Amino acid sequence: MKIESQLTDEAVLRELGERLAALRLGRNMTQLQLAASAGVARSVIQNVERGGSVTTANLVRLLRELDLLDALERLIPQPTPSPVAELRLRGHTRRRAAGSRGGAEAPADRNRPWRWGDES
């Protein structure tokens, strides 16, 4: 199954679990062996492979042990600011988002025509 944005969270977790199980089996490792070498409990491996949730730390341990940690670089690449943003920052690191001007708008409000506000 291809992982796409239309899938539910549960379906994505189930697919990831199945893929991790297949990779583990492809390396001829038991759940107990992977758990021991990754430094996690066997129940963590069972839970992940069934499509359950996992802590980020445990996921990193499993990916490291399965030689997949480098894949995170492609998954979440290092952000690079645009040249204009780089000039604005001048060596500083951006710490927060500016948000929308005039407060938060509901998505439905964006599609309505703009008004001055003094019409009845």
N, C-alpha and C. Protein backbone atom coordinates (compact mmCIF):
# COMPACT_ATOMS: atom_id res chain seq x y z
N MET A 1 0.84 -1.17 0.00
CA MET A 1 0.00 0.00 0.00
C MET A 1 0.89 1.24 0.00
N LYS A 2 0.49 2.20 -0.77
CA LYS A 2 1.23 3.47 -0.82
C LYS A 2 0.72 4.37 0.31
N ILE A 3 1.62 5.00 1.01
CA ILE A 3 1.23 5.91 2.09
C ILE A 3 0.92 7.27 1.48
N GLU A 4 -0.34 7.67 1.61
CA GLU A 4 -0.81 8.93 1.04
C GLU A 4 -1.56 9.72 2.10
N SER A 5 -1.75 11.00 1.85
CA SER A 5 -2.40 11.87 2.82
C SER A 5 -3.86 11.52 3.05
N GLN A 6 -4.50 10.78 2.13
CA GLN A 6 -5.89 10.41 2.29
C GLN A 6 -6.08 9.29 3.31
N LEU A 7 -5.04 8.57 3.65
CA LEU A 7 -5.15 7.47 4.60
C LEU A 7 -5.38 8.00 6.01
N THR A 8 -6.07 7.22 6.80
CA THR A 8 -6.25 7.58 8.21
C THR A 8 -4.92 7.38 8.94
N ASP A 9 -4.81 7.98 10.10
CA ASP A 9 -3.61 7.80 10.92
C ASP A 9 -3.39 6.33 11.23
N GLU A 10 -4.49 5.63 11.55
CA GLU A 10 -4.40 4.21 11.89
C GLU A 10 -3.87 3.39 10.71
N ALA A 11 -4.33 3.72 9.50
CA ALA A 11 -3.87 2.99 8.31
C ALA A 11 -2.39 3.25 8.06
N VAL A 12 -1.95 4.47 8.27
CA VAL A 12 -0.53 4.80 8.08
C VAL A 12 0.31 4.04 9.10
N LEU A 13 -0.10 4.05 10.36
CA LEU A 13 0.64 3.33 11.41
C LEU A 13 0.69 1.83 11.12
N ARG A 14 -0.43 1.28 10.65
CA ARG A 14 -0.48 -0.15 10.33
C ARG A 14 0.49 -0.47 9.19
N GLU A 15 0.50 0.38 8.15
CA GLU A 15 1.40 0.17 7.02
C GLU A 15 2.87 0.28 7.45
N LEU A 16 3.17 1.28 8.28
CA LEU A 16 4.56 1.41 8.77
C LEU A 16 4.96 0.19 9.59
N GLY A 17 4.05 -0.29 10.42
CA GLY A 17 4.33 -1.49 11.22
C GLY A 17 4.60 -2.69 10.35
N GLU A 18 3.79 -2.86 9.31
CA GLU A 18 4.01 -3.98 8.40
C GLU A 18 5.34 -3.87 7.68
N ARG A 19 5.70 -2.66 7.28
CA ARG A 19 6.98 -2.46 6.60
C ARG A 19 8.15 -2.74 7.52
N LEU A 20 8.06 -2.26 8.77
CA LEU A 20 9.14 -2.51 9.72
C LEU A 20 9.27 -4.00 10.01
N ALA A 21 8.15 -4.70 10.12
CA ALA A 21 8.18 -6.15 10.35
C ALA A 21 8.84 -6.85 9.17
N ALA A 22 8.49 -6.45 7.95
CA ALA A 22 9.08 -7.06 6.77
C ALA A 22 10.59 -6.81 6.71
N LEU A 23 11.01 -5.60 7.07
CA LEU A 23 12.46 -5.31 7.09
C LEU A 23 13.17 -6.15 8.14
N ARG A 24 12.56 -6.28 9.30
CA ARG A 24 13.15 -7.09 10.38
C ARG A 24 13.29 -8.53 9.92
N LEU A 25 12.22 -9.07 9.33
CA LEU A 25 12.26 -10.46 8.85
C LEU A 25 13.25 -10.62 7.71
N GLY A 26 13.36 -9.62 6.85
CA GLY A 26 14.34 -9.66 5.78
C GLY A 26 15.77 -9.72 6.28
N ARG A 27 15.98 -9.23 7.47
CA ARG A 27 17.31 -9.30 8.10
C ARG A 27 17.42 -10.53 9.00
N ASN A 28 16.40 -11.39 8.96
CA ASN A 28 16.37 -12.64 9.72
C ASN A 28 16.53 -12.40 11.23
N MET A 29 15.83 -11.38 11.72
CA MET A 29 15.88 -11.05 13.14
C MET A 29 14.54 -11.37 13.78
N THR A 30 14.58 -11.89 15.00
CA THR A 30 13.36 -12.07 15.77
C THR A 30 13.01 -10.75 16.43
N GLN A 31 11.77 -10.65 16.90
CA GLN A 31 11.37 -9.44 17.63
C GLN A 31 12.25 -9.27 18.87
N LEU A 32 12.56 -10.37 19.51
CA LEU A 32 13.38 -10.32 20.73
C LEU A 32 14.80 -9.83 20.41
N GLN A 33 15.37 -10.29 19.31
CA GLN A 33 16.71 -9.85 18.92
C GLN A 33 16.72 -8.35 18.60
N LEU A 34 15.73 -7.89 17.85
CA LEU A 34 15.67 -6.47 17.52
C LEU A 34 15.47 -5.63 18.77
N ALA A 35 14.60 -6.08 19.65
CA ALA A 35 14.35 -5.35 20.89
C ALA A 35 15.63 -5.24 21.72
N ALA A 36 16.34 -6.35 21.85
CA ALA A 36 17.57 -6.34 22.65
C ALA A 36 18.63 -5.43 22.04
N SER A 37 18.81 -5.51 20.73
CA SER A 37 19.86 -4.70 20.11
C SER A 37 19.48 -3.22 20.04
N ALA A 38 18.17 -2.92 20.00
CA ALA A 38 17.73 -1.53 19.97
C ALA A 38 17.58 -0.95 21.36
N GLY A 39 17.59 -1.79 22.39
CA GLY A 39 17.46 -1.30 23.76
C GLY A 39 16.03 -0.95 24.13
N VAL A 40 15.07 -1.68 23.56
CA VAL A 40 13.66 -1.46 23.89
C VAL A 40 13.06 -2.80 24.32
N ALA A 41 11.87 -2.74 24.89
CA ALA A 41 11.18 -3.96 25.27
C ALA A 41 10.58 -4.64 24.04
N ARG A 42 10.42 -5.95 24.12
CA ARG A 42 9.81 -6.69 23.00
C ARG A 42 8.40 -6.20 22.74
N SER A 43 7.72 -5.77 23.78
CA SER A 43 6.35 -5.28 23.61
C SER A 43 6.31 -4.03 22.73
N VAL A 44 7.40 -3.25 22.72
CA VAL A 44 7.48 -2.08 21.84
C VAL A 44 7.48 -2.53 20.38
N ILE A 45 8.27 -3.57 20.09
CA ILE A 45 8.34 -4.10 18.72
C ILE A 45 6.97 -4.65 18.32
N GLN A 46 6.36 -5.43 19.22
CA GLN A 46 5.04 -5.99 18.92
C GLN A 46 4.03 -4.88 18.66
N ASN A 47 4.04 -3.86 19.48
CA ASN A 47 3.09 -2.75 19.34
C ASN A 47 3.29 -2.02 18.02
N VAL A 48 4.53 -1.72 17.68
CA VAL A 48 4.82 -1.00 16.43
C VAL A 48 4.39 -1.83 15.23
N GLU A 49 4.72 -3.10 15.24
CA GLU A 49 4.41 -3.95 14.09
C GLU A 49 2.90 -4.19 13.94
N ARG A 50 2.14 -4.01 15.01
CA ARG A 50 0.69 -4.12 14.94
C ARG A 50 0.04 -2.81 14.50
N GLY A 51 0.85 -1.75 14.39
CA GLY A 51 0.30 -0.46 13.97
C GLY A 51 -0.02 0.45 15.14
N GLY A 52 0.52 0.14 16.31
CA GLY A 52 0.31 0.99 17.48
C GLY A 52 1.25 2.18 17.46
N SER A 53 1.01 3.09 18.36
CA SER A 53 1.86 4.28 18.43
C SER A 53 3.17 3.94 19.13
N VAL A 54 4.15 4.79 18.92
CA VAL A 54 5.48 4.57 19.48
C VAL A 54 6.07 5.94 19.82
N THR A 55 6.89 5.99 20.84
CA THR A 55 7.54 7.26 21.14
C THR A 55 8.59 7.55 20.07
N THR A 56 8.89 8.80 19.92
CA THR A 56 9.90 9.20 18.94
C THR A 56 11.25 8.58 19.27
N ALA A 57 11.59 8.54 20.56
CA ALA A 57 12.87 7.97 20.97
C ALA A 57 12.95 6.50 20.60
N ASN A 58 11.88 5.74 20.82
CA ASN A 58 11.90 4.33 20.46
C ASN A 58 11.93 4.13 18.95
N LEU A 59 11.25 4.99 18.21
CA LEU A 59 11.30 4.90 16.75
C LEU A 59 12.72 5.14 16.26
N VAL A 60 13.39 6.12 16.82
CA VAL A 60 14.78 6.40 16.43
C VAL A 60 15.66 5.20 16.73
N ARG A 61 15.46 4.57 17.89
CA ARG A 61 16.26 3.38 18.24
C ARG A 61 16.04 2.26 17.23
N LEU A 62 14.76 2.04 16.85
CA LEU A 62 14.47 0.97 15.89
C LEU A 62 15.05 1.29 14.52
N LEU A 63 14.88 2.53 14.06
CA LEU A 63 15.42 2.91 12.76
C LEU A 63 16.94 2.80 12.74
N ARG A 64 17.59 3.17 13.83
CA ARG A 64 19.05 3.07 13.90
C ARG A 64 19.47 1.61 13.79
N GLU A 65 18.78 0.74 14.50
CA GLU A 65 19.14 -0.67 14.50
C GLU A 65 18.88 -1.33 13.15
N LEU A 66 17.88 -0.85 12.42
CA LEU A 66 17.56 -1.40 11.10
C LEU A 66 18.30 -0.66 9.98
N ASP A 67 19.26 0.18 10.35
CA ASP A 67 20.06 0.96 9.39
C ASP A 67 19.17 1.84 8.50
N LEU A 68 18.14 2.44 9.10
CA LEU A 68 17.23 3.32 8.37
C LEU A 68 17.25 4.75 8.89
N LEU A 69 18.11 5.05 9.82
CA LEU A 69 18.12 6.37 10.43
C LEU A 69 18.43 7.47 9.41
N ASP A 70 19.25 7.16 8.43
CA ASP A 70 19.58 8.14 7.39
C ASP A 70 18.36 8.56 6.58
N ALA A 71 17.33 7.70 6.55
CA ALA A 71 16.12 8.02 5.79
C ALA A 71 15.39 9.23 6.38
N LEU A 72 15.61 9.53 7.66
CA LEU A 72 14.98 10.69 8.27
C LEU A 72 15.46 11.99 7.64
N GLU A 73 16.66 11.98 7.10
CA GLU A 73 17.20 13.18 6.43
C GLU A 73 16.35 13.52 5.21
N ARG A 74 15.91 12.50 4.49
CA ARG A 74 15.03 12.74 3.33
C ARG A 74 13.61 13.05 3.77
N LEU A 75 13.19 12.44 4.87
CA LEU A 75 11.83 12.66 5.36
C LEU A 75 11.63 14.07 5.88
N ILE A 76 12.58 14.55 6.67
CA ILE A 76 12.50 15.90 7.25
C ILE A 76 13.82 16.59 6.94
N PRO A 77 13.93 17.20 5.76
CA PRO A 77 15.21 17.82 5.38
C PRO A 77 15.50 19.08 6.20
N GLN A 78 16.74 19.43 6.25
CA GLN A 78 17.17 20.66 6.91
C GLN A 78 16.54 21.85 6.21
N PRO A 79 15.81 22.70 6.93
CA PRO A 79 15.18 23.84 6.25
C PRO A 79 16.23 24.85 5.78
N THR A 80 16.02 25.37 4.60
CA THR A 80 16.92 26.39 4.07
C THR A 80 16.10 27.63 3.77
N PRO A 81 16.47 28.76 4.35
CA PRO A 81 15.70 29.99 4.09
C PRO A 81 15.95 30.49 2.68
N SER A 82 14.98 31.22 2.17
CA SER A 82 15.15 31.84 0.86
C SER A 82 16.23 32.91 0.97
N PRO A 83 16.81 33.34 -0.14
CA PRO A 83 17.83 34.39 -0.09
C PRO A 83 17.33 35.68 0.57
N VAL A 84 16.07 36.04 0.32
CA VAL A 84 15.51 37.26 0.93
C VAL A 84 15.39 37.08 2.44
N ALA A 85 14.89 35.92 2.86
CA ALA A 85 14.76 35.65 4.30
C ALA A 85 16.12 35.62 4.96
N GLU A 86 17.12 35.10 4.26
CA GLU A 86 18.47 35.04 4.81
C GLU A 86 19.02 36.45 5.04
N LEU A 87 18.74 37.36 4.11
CA LEU A 87 19.18 38.75 4.29
C LEU A 87 18.48 39.39 5.49
N ARG A 88 17.17 39.09 5.64
CA ARG A 88 16.43 39.65 6.77
C ARG A 88 16.95 39.13 8.10
N LEU A 89 17.27 37.85 8.14
CA LEU A 89 17.71 37.24 9.39
C LEU A 89 19.14 37.66 9.76
N ARG A 90 19.98 37.86 8.77
CA ARG A 90 21.37 38.27 8.97
C ARG A 90 22.07 37.45 10.07
N GLY A 91 22.02 36.12 9.90
CA GLY A 91 22.73 35.26 10.84
C GLY A 91 21.93 34.83 12.05
N HIS A 92 20.75 35.40 12.27
CA HIS A 92 19.92 35.00 13.40
C HIS A 92 19.04 33.82 13.00
N THR A 93 18.65 33.03 13.97
CA THR A 93 17.75 31.91 13.73
C THR A 93 16.33 32.34 14.01
N ARG A 94 15.43 32.03 13.10
CA ARG A 94 14.02 32.37 13.29
C ARG A 94 13.47 31.53 14.43
N ARG A 95 12.75 32.18 15.36
CA ARG A 95 12.27 31.49 16.55
C ARG A 95 10.76 31.32 16.62
N ARG A 96 10.01 32.09 15.85
CA ARG A 96 8.56 31.92 15.87
C ARG A 96 7.95 32.43 14.57
N ALA A 97 6.73 31.99 14.30
CA ALA A 97 6.02 32.38 13.09
C ALA A 97 5.28 33.69 13.35
N ALA A 98 5.12 34.47 12.32
CA ALA A 98 4.44 35.76 12.45
C ALA A 98 2.93 35.59 12.49
N GLY A 99 2.42 34.53 11.91
CA GLY A 99 0.97 34.35 11.85
C GLY A 99 0.37 35.25 10.80
N SER A 100 -0.95 35.24 10.70
CA SER A 100 -1.61 36.10 9.71
C SER A 100 -1.84 37.47 10.31
N ARG A 101 -1.81 38.46 9.49
CA ARG A 101 -2.04 39.82 9.97
C ARG A 101 -3.52 40.01 10.27
N GLY A 102 -3.81 40.70 11.35
CA GLY A 102 -5.20 40.95 11.72
C GLY A 102 -5.84 39.82 12.48
N GLY A 103 -5.06 38.92 13.03
CA GLY A 103 -5.61 37.83 13.82
C GLY A 103 -5.89 36.60 12.97
N ALA A 104 -6.26 35.57 13.65
CA ALA A 104 -6.51 34.30 12.96
C ALA A 104 -7.85 34.35 12.25
N GLU A 105 -7.86 33.85 11.04
CA GLU A 105 -9.10 33.78 10.26
C GLU A 105 -9.52 32.33 10.17
N ALA A 106 -10.81 32.13 10.16
CA ALA A 106 -11.32 30.80 9.89
C ALA A 106 -11.15 30.55 8.39
N PRO A 107 -10.87 29.31 7.97
CA PRO A 107 -10.69 29.04 6.54
C PRO A 107 -11.86 29.50 5.69
N ALA A 108 -13.08 29.42 6.22
CA ALA A 108 -14.24 29.85 5.44
C ALA A 108 -14.22 31.35 5.21
N ASP A 109 -13.65 32.12 6.14
CA ASP A 109 -13.60 33.58 6.01
C ASP A 109 -12.70 34.03 4.86
N ARG A 110 -11.76 33.22 4.48
CA ARG A 110 -10.83 33.60 3.42
C ARG A 110 -11.52 33.67 2.06
N ASN A 111 -12.60 32.92 1.90
CA ASN A 111 -13.28 32.87 0.60
C ASN A 111 -14.35 33.95 0.46
N ARG A 112 -14.70 34.63 1.53
CA ARG A 112 -15.71 35.69 1.45
C ARG A 112 -15.07 36.97 0.97
N PRO A 113 -15.83 37.79 0.22
CA PRO A 113 -15.26 39.06 -0.24
C PRO A 113 -14.99 39.98 0.95
N TRP A 114 -13.95 40.80 0.82
CA TRP A 114 -13.57 41.70 1.90
C TRP A 114 -14.55 42.86 1.99
N ARG A 115 -14.85 43.34 3.21
CA ARG A 115 -15.75 44.49 3.43
C ARG A 115 -15.08 45.44 4.40
N TRP A 116 -15.52 46.68 4.34
CA TRP A 116 -15.00 47.68 5.25
C TRP A 116 -15.46 47.42 6.68
N GLY A 117 -16.63 46.86 6.86
CA GLY A 117 -17.12 46.58 8.20
C GLY A 117 -18.18 47.56 8.65
N ASP A 118 -18.40 48.66 7.92
CA ASP A 118 -19.41 49.64 8.35
C ASP A 118 -20.69 49.53 7.51
N GLU A 119 -20.78 48.46 6.66
CA GLU A 119 -22.00 48.25 5.90
C GLU A 119 -23.02 47.55 6.79
N SER A 120 -24.28 47.82 6.56
CA SER A 120 -25.33 47.16 7.35
C SER A 120 -25.88 45.97 6.63
